[in-house]
Amino acid sequence: DSKEEITLEEIKRLIDEVAWFKPSIYFNGGEPTLRPDLLKAVEYAKKKKLIAAFPTNGSFMNESLAEKIVLSGLDFYSTSIDGPAEYHNKRRGFPNAYERATQGIRYLVKVRDKLNRRTPHIRITCITDEKNIANSWHVLDLANELGVDEVAFGNLMFYPQEMEDSQRDFIKERGTGGEEMIGLGLENEKYLKADLSGLKDFYQKAEKESAIPVYFVLSCDDLDDFYSPKTPKFSRCLTPWMVATIQPNGDLTQ
């Protein structure tokens, strides 16, 4: 397979081919802002009257880029924050990841207000960890402080022991990789027992105490089932019917 990325003209042609049924165009990564012509692609999607969005870790954001993003017409902008600076930076494996992500949001909010624009809609996302609820409270407070449009909380996924073993082997062989598994471990095929009291308390109070909208992937009522070893962890995946993924080299996948 070719490792070369498709050109801007090829991206435009792809947008032309699908524009008739009005899909949302989600420029993903890796880190999408590494691509110099990203905003030209966004502008073309908007020219075709399509919704355009991308997530970013904010590493390359400055006031100039923030202004270009706002002027491009981008509809949605999303950044993930795991918790306070020390925690986030350790998870991300980069010493200034938190500082860059939060500063990037500040730039975007500032420029959007200066230009009197309503878009992009700015979201902070966070994965809640039942053992580190203080991190979620930090992210909630941060989102309100930064003046974003919403904050969304998801849940950790489960992983089997062989996946953790595989990651350790990869790190040993390649000398790189995340030192922490992000998720809940399975021991002897049984789900990790979790103390959900702090998580439920957060769910119940967050929406009441936040000045901006708060969204949860799971409702508070669903937490017991999600963390229960008696509940099958299967869900219907609609991606093959709803999403077409174009790889950087132009391959179509699901």
Protein backbone atom coordinates (compact mmCIF):
# COMPACT_ATOMS: atom_id res chain seq x y z
CA ASP A 1 0.00 0.00 0.00
CA SER A 2 1.20 3.51 -0.78
CA LYS A 3 2.09 5.63 2.22
CA GLU A 4 1.69 8.86 0.27
CA GLU A 5 -1.20 11.08 1.32
CA ILE A 6 -3.84 12.06 -1.19
CA THR A 7 -3.65 15.58 -2.57
CA LEU A 8 -5.99 18.46 -1.83
CA GLU A 9 -7.47 18.10 -5.31
CA GLU A 10 -8.24 14.45 -4.61
CA ILE A 11 -9.88 15.42 -1.32
CA LYS A 12 -12.01 17.96 -3.18
CA ARG A 13 -13.01 15.32 -5.69
CA LEU A 14 -14.04 12.97 -2.87
CA ILE A 15 -16.13 15.75 -1.33
CA ASP A 16 -17.76 16.37 -4.72
CA GLU A 17 -18.68 12.69 -5.00
CA VAL A 18 -20.50 12.59 -1.66
CA ALA A 19 -21.83 16.14 -1.37
CA TRP A 20 -25.19 15.27 -2.94
CA PHE A 21 -26.39 13.40 0.18
CA LYS A 22 -25.09 16.02 2.65
CA PRO A 23 -22.79 14.00 4.94
CA SER A 24 -20.77 15.57 7.74
CA ILE A 25 -17.06 15.71 6.90
CA TYR A 26 -14.84 14.80 9.84
CA PHE A 27 -11.14 15.47 9.32
CA ASN A 28 -9.45 13.07 11.70
CA GLY A 29 -5.90 11.94 12.49
CA GLY A 30 -3.34 11.42 13.91
CA GLU A 31 -3.21 15.15 14.29
CA PRO A 32 -5.11 16.82 11.43
CA THR A 33 -3.45 20.23 11.89
CA LEU A 34 -0.16 18.68 10.75
CA ARG A 35 -1.54 18.89 7.23
CA PRO A 36 -0.74 22.37 5.78
CA ASP A 37 -3.79 22.47 3.51
CA LEU A 38 -6.29 21.22 6.12
CA LEU A 39 -8.24 24.47 6.24
CA LYS A 40 -8.44 24.65 2.45
CA ALA A 41 -10.18 21.28 2.60
CA VAL A 42 -12.48 22.60 5.33
CA GLU A 43 -13.28 25.67 3.23
CA TYR A 44 -14.13 23.47 0.27
CA ALA A 45 -16.47 21.33 2.38
CA LYS A 46 -18.19 24.50 3.56
CA LYS A 47 -18.41 25.74 -0.03
CA LYS A 48 -20.42 22.59 -0.69
CA LYS A 49 -22.62 23.46 2.32
CA LEU A 50 -21.48 20.48 4.37
CA ILE A 51 -20.83 20.29 8.10
CA ALA A 52 -17.08 20.15 8.78
CA ALA A 53 -15.30 19.19 12.00
CA PHE A 54 -11.98 18.02 13.36
CA PRO A 55 -10.42 17.02 16.69
CA THR A 56 -6.96 18.29 17.66
CA ASN A 57 -4.55 18.05 20.55
CA GLY A 58 -3.85 21.77 20.14
CA SER A 59 -0.09 21.34 19.81
CA PHE A 60 0.25 23.72 16.87
CA MET A 61 -2.39 26.25 17.79
CA ASN A 62 -1.55 29.94 17.91
CA GLU A 63 -3.63 33.07 17.43
CA SER A 64 -2.95 33.16 13.70
CA LEU A 65 -4.11 29.57 13.19
CA ALA A 66 -7.10 30.18 15.44
CA GLU A 67 -8.18 33.07 13.21
CA LYS A 68 -7.80 30.95 10.07
CA ILE A 69 -9.89 28.18 11.68
CA VAL A 70 -12.69 30.59 12.55
CA LEU A 71 -12.64 32.18 9.10
CA SER A 72 -12.63 28.76 7.40
CA GLY A 73 -16.19 28.20 8.59
CA LEU A 74 -15.35 25.06 10.61
CA ASP A 75 -18.47 23.89 12.47
CA PHE A 76 -17.04 21.79 15.30
CA TYR A 77 -13.68 21.78 17.11
CA SER A 78 -12.86 19.18 19.76
CA THR A 79 -9.98 18.70 22.21
CA SER A 80 -9.56 15.90 24.75
CA ILE A 81 -8.35 16.67 28.27
CA ASP A 82 -7.67 13.80 30.67
CA GLY A 83 -7.29 15.78 33.90
CA PRO A 84 -4.88 18.27 35.51
CA ALA A 85 -1.62 19.12 33.74
CA GLU A 86 0.59 16.53 35.41
CA TYR A 87 -1.90 13.70 34.82
CA HIS A 88 -2.74 14.72 31.25
CA ASN A 89 0.91 15.16 30.26
CA LYS A 90 1.86 11.76 31.64
CA ARG A 91 -0.96 10.08 29.74
CA ARG A 92 -0.06 11.88 26.55
CA GLY A 93 3.67 11.27 26.90
CA PHE A 94 4.52 14.93 26.27
CA PRO A 95 5.55 17.44 28.97
CA ASN A 96 3.52 20.41 27.68
CA ALA A 97 0.51 18.68 26.13
CA TYR A 98 -1.96 20.13 28.64
CA GLU A 99 -0.61 23.65 28.37
CA ARG A 100 -0.75 23.58 24.56
CA ALA A 101 -4.26 22.11 24.45
CA THR A 102 -5.72 24.64 26.89
CA GLN A 103 -3.90 27.59 25.34
CA GLY A 104 -5.18 26.52 21.93
CA ILE A 105 -8.75 26.67 23.22
CA ARG A 106 -8.12 30.11 24.73
CA TYR A 107 -6.88 31.38 21.38
CA LEU A 108 -9.90 30.00 19.57
CA VAL A 109 -12.44 31.41 22.02
CA LYS A 110 -10.69 34.80 21.93
CA VAL A 111 -10.62 35.01 18.14
CA ARG A 112 -14.17 33.73 17.74
CA ASP A 113 -15.42 36.42 20.12
CA LYS A 114 -13.31 39.11 18.43
CA LEU A 115 -14.71 38.24 15.02
CA ASN A 116 -18.21 37.91 16.45
CA ARG A 117 -18.63 34.42 15.02
CA ARG A 118 -20.76 31.59 16.42
CA THR A 119 -18.60 28.81 15.04
CA PRO A 120 -16.74 26.63 15.50
CA HIS A 121 -18.69 25.00 18.30
CA ILE A 122 -15.97 24.11 20.82
CA ARG A 123 -16.11 20.91 22.83
CA ILE A 124 -13.84 19.43 25.48
CA THR A 125 -14.03 15.66 25.83
CA CYS A 126 -12.85 13.55 28.75
CA ILE A 127 -12.85 9.86 29.66
CA THR A 128 -14.02 9.37 33.23
CA ASP A 129 -12.03 7.03 35.46
CA GLU A 130 -13.82 5.72 38.52
CA LYS A 131 -10.52 5.67 40.41
CA ASN A 132 -9.67 9.29 39.53
CA ILE A 133 -12.93 11.23 39.73
CA ALA A 134 -11.03 14.37 40.75
CA ASN A 135 -9.72 14.50 37.17
CA SER A 136 -13.25 14.75 35.79
CA TRP A 137 -14.12 17.53 38.23
CA HIS A 138 -11.00 19.36 37.07
CA VAL A 139 -12.03 19.05 33.42
CA LEU A 140 -15.56 20.24 34.20
CA ASP A 141 -14.22 23.33 35.99
CA LEU A 142 -11.69 23.93 33.22
CA ALA A 143 -14.34 23.76 30.49
CA ASN A 144 -16.41 26.36 32.30
CA GLU A 145 -13.37 28.55 32.91
CA LEU A 146 -12.32 28.44 29.24
CA GLY A 147 -15.82 29.29 28.03
CA VAL A 148 -16.25 26.38 25.63
CA ASP A 149 -19.67 25.40 24.34
CA GLU A 150 -19.93 21.97 25.92
CA VAL A 151 -18.05 19.25 27.76
CA ALA A 152 -18.62 15.55 27.13
CA PHE A 153 -17.63 12.59 29.31
CA GLY A 154 -17.15 9.05 28.06
CA ASN A 155 -16.23 5.84 29.85
CA LEU A 156 -13.17 3.64 29.94
CA MET A 157 -13.17 0.56 27.75
CA PHE A 158 -12.23 -2.88 29.01
CA TYR A 159 -9.12 -4.73 27.88
CA PRO A 160 -8.00 -8.36 28.38
CA GLN A 161 -4.67 -9.33 29.91
CA GLU A 162 -3.24 -10.44 26.57
CA MET A 163 -3.66 -6.91 25.22
CA GLU A 164 -1.61 -5.47 28.07
CA ASP A 165 1.04 -8.17 27.56
CA SER A 166 1.15 -7.29 23.86
CA GLN A 167 1.68 -3.61 24.66
CA ARG A 168 4.53 -4.41 27.06
CA ASP A 169 6.19 -6.55 24.38
CA PHE A 170 5.82 -3.76 21.83
CA ILE A 171 7.46 -1.23 24.18
CA LYS A 172 10.29 -3.64 24.89
CA GLU A 173 10.89 -4.36 21.19
CA ARG A 174 10.47 -0.83 19.81
CA GLY A 175 11.56 1.32 22.75
CA THR A 176 8.44 3.48 22.53
CA GLY A 177 4.79 3.41 23.45
CA GLY A 178 2.39 4.41 26.21
CA GLU A 179 3.46 3.17 29.61
CA GLU A 180 -0.11 3.00 30.92
CA MET A 181 -3.02 1.03 29.55
CA ILE A 182 -5.97 3.38 29.21
CA GLY A 183 -8.94 1.31 30.28
CA LEU A 184 -10.12 -1.24 32.80
CA GLY A 185 -8.27 -4.54 32.97
CA LEU A 186 -9.94 -7.92 32.85
CA GLU A 187 -8.57 -10.53 35.19
CA ASN A 188 -9.37 -14.18 34.48
CA GLU A 189 -12.08 -13.08 32.04
CA LYS A 190 -13.97 -11.27 34.84
CA TYR A 191 -14.63 -7.57 34.78
CA LEU A 192 -12.75 -5.42 37.22
CA LYS A 193 -14.86 -4.59 40.26
CA ALA A 194 -15.32 -0.84 40.41
CA ASP A 195 -16.46 1.48 43.19
CA LEU A 196 -19.00 3.60 41.36
CA SER A 197 -20.03 5.87 44.25
CA GLY A 198 -17.75 8.74 43.24
CA LEU A 199 -18.62 8.36 39.56
CA LYS A 200 -22.36 8.40 40.25
CA ASP A 201 -21.97 11.44 42.49
CA PHE A 202 -20.12 13.22 39.69
CA TYR A 203 -22.79 12.32 37.15
CA GLN A 204 -25.59 13.55 39.39
CA LYS A 205 -23.94 16.86 40.32
CA ALA A 206 -22.06 17.83 37.14
CA GLU A 207 -25.01 18.99 35.08
CA LYS A 208 -26.45 20.98 38.00
CA GLU A 209 -23.16 22.76 38.79
CA SER A 210 -22.04 23.50 35.23
CA ALA A 211 -22.86 26.73 33.43
CA ILE A 212 -22.30 25.00 30.07
CA PRO A 213 -24.00 21.87 28.73
CA VAL A 214 -22.62 18.54 29.99
CA TYR A 215 -23.07 15.29 28.09
CA PHE A 216 -22.46 11.71 29.18
CA VAL A 217 -22.01 8.77 26.82
CA LEU A 218 -23.64 6.60 29.47
CA SER A 219 -26.40 7.80 31.77
CA CYS A 220 -26.03 7.37 35.50
CA ASP A 221 -28.66 4.61 35.36
CA ASP A 222 -26.51 2.66 32.87
CA LEU A 223 -23.32 2.60 34.97
CA ASP A 224 -24.16 -0.49 37.03
CA ASP A 225 -24.84 -2.54 33.90
CA PHE A 226 -21.72 -1.24 32.16
CA TYR A 227 -19.44 -2.23 35.03
CA SER A 228 -21.26 -5.47 35.90
CA PRO A 229 -19.62 -8.82 35.03
CA LYS A 230 -23.13 -10.23 34.54
CA THR A 231 -23.96 -7.87 31.69
CA PRO A 232 -22.75 -8.88 28.19
CA LYS A 233 -20.48 -6.17 26.79
CA PHE A 234 -21.80 -6.25 23.24
CA SER A 235 -23.39 -3.44 21.29
CA ARG A 236 -24.62 -3.07 17.75
CA CYS A 237 -22.11 -1.27 15.54
CA LEU A 238 -23.75 0.90 12.89
CA THR A 239 -20.50 2.22 11.43
CA PRO A 240 -20.63 0.12 8.22
CA TRP A 241 -24.00 1.70 7.38
CA MET A 242 -23.31 5.24 8.54
CA VAL A 243 -19.58 6.01 8.14
CA ALA A 244 -17.13 5.86 5.25
CA THR A 245 -13.52 6.22 6.35
CA ILE A 246 -10.98 7.49 3.83
CA GLN A 247 -7.42 6.62 4.83
CA PRO A 248 -4.60 9.15 4.24
CA ASN A 249 -3.60 7.31 1.06
CA GLY A 250 -7.17 7.38 -0.26
CA ASP A 251 -8.21 3.82 0.61
CA LEU A 252 -11.86 3.40 1.60
CA THR A 253 -12.35 1.42 4.80
CA GLN A 254 -14.95 0.91 7.51
